[in-house]
Amino acid sequence: MATYECSICGMGVNASCAKCDAALVDDVLTLENGDKVQVSKCPNGHGKIKSPMCCGQDMACTAG
């Protein structure tokens, strides 16, 4: 299971796809203007979401 953890307070969440129960994986989406956005995506192609945030920053992903 992918675990997203806040480097400031230590809060953590586990994230999985509701369609197939696969652990979401970390990825980066590059916008047309060149900006990069951290996302979490289903490895089976069911979509992606903005990575969880805590303490005003993206939570880092570790394989659990």
Foldseek 3Di string as FASTA:
>chain_A
DKKFADPPPGDIDWDADPVPRHGWDWDWDQDPVRDIFIWTHHPVPPGIDGADDDPHGHTDIDDD
